[in-house]
């Protein structure tokens, strides 16, 4: 199982949100870990998973 986790990127000077980073993780032995082989997940699935996360980000109210 694969999933993208969202990490906010904050400007160090202004302390304002500059964007987001999507971190791909695979589930292994009860933990989410960095995949050993990023090509194991086909690009079409990576795009679909990232689209879902981006949609979730955009639907959340801004702080």
Protein backbone atom coordinates (compact mmCIF):
# COMPACT_ATOMS: atom_id res chain seq x y z
CA UNK A 1 0.00 0.00 0.00
CA UNK A 2 1.26 3.46 -0.92
CA UNK A 3 0.23 6.90 0.19
CA UNK A 4 1.37 10.50 -0.05
CA UNK A 5 1.86 12.50 3.14
CA UNK A 6 1.64 16.29 3.00
CA UNK A 7 4.35 18.44 4.53
CA UNK A 8 3.90 22.22 4.60
CA UNK A 9 6.86 24.33 3.46
CA UNK A 10 7.30 27.48 5.54
CA UNK A 11 9.45 30.45 4.55
CA UNK A 12 12.21 30.71 7.18
CA UNK A 13 12.25 34.51 7.08
CA UNK A 14 8.56 35.42 6.91
CA UNK A 15 7.24 32.28 8.65
CA UNK A 16 4.49 32.14 6.02
CA UNK A 17 3.32 29.08 4.15
CA UNK A 18 5.22 28.85 0.87
CA UNK A 19 3.70 25.60 -0.41
CA UNK A 20 3.49 21.90 0.23
CA UNK A 21 5.68 18.87 -0.37
CA UNK A 22 4.17 15.45 -1.07
CA UNK A 23 6.13 12.59 0.46
CA UNK A 24 5.47 9.12 -0.98
CA UNK A 25 5.47 6.34 1.62
CA UNK A 26 4.78 2.61 1.54
CA UNK A 27 3.24 0.60 4.37
CA UNK A 28 5.53 -2.12 5.62
CA UNK A 29 5.53 -4.05 8.91
CA UNK A 30 3.02 -1.69 10.60
CA UNK A 31 4.96 1.46 9.61
CA UNK A 32 4.94 4.01 6.80
CA UNK A 33 8.43 4.05 5.26
CA UNK A 34 10.19 5.64 2.30
CA UNK A 35 9.90 3.20 -0.63
CA UNK A 36 13.09 1.38 -1.57
CA UNK A 37 12.07 1.56 -5.23
CA UNK A 38 9.97 4.53 -6.36
CA UNK A 39 9.42 2.91 -9.75
CA UNK A 40 7.54 0.00 -8.11
CA UNK A 41 4.43 2.19 -8.08
CA UNK A 42 3.38 3.01 -11.65
CA UNK A 43 3.34 6.70 -12.53
CA UNK A 44 -0.42 6.61 -13.21
CA UNK A 45 -1.03 5.51 -9.61
CA UNK A 46 1.37 8.15 -8.26
CA UNK A 47 -0.51 10.83 -10.19
CA UNK A 48 -3.87 9.54 -8.92
CA UNK A 49 -2.69 9.45 -5.29
CA UNK A 50 -1.10 12.89 -5.51
CA UNK A 51 -4.27 14.31 -7.09
CA UNK A 52 -6.28 13.01 -4.11
CA UNK A 53 -3.92 14.67 -1.61
CA UNK A 54 -3.83 17.95 -3.53
CA UNK A 55 -7.64 17.97 -3.66
CA UNK A 56 -7.74 17.42 0.11
CA UNK A 57 -5.35 20.35 0.68
CA UNK A 58 -7.42 22.69 -1.48
CA UNK A 59 -10.66 21.72 0.28
CA UNK A 60 -9.32 22.52 3.77
CA UNK A 61 -10.07 26.00 5.04
CA UNK A 62 -6.97 28.24 5.15
CA UNK A 63 -5.62 29.23 8.53
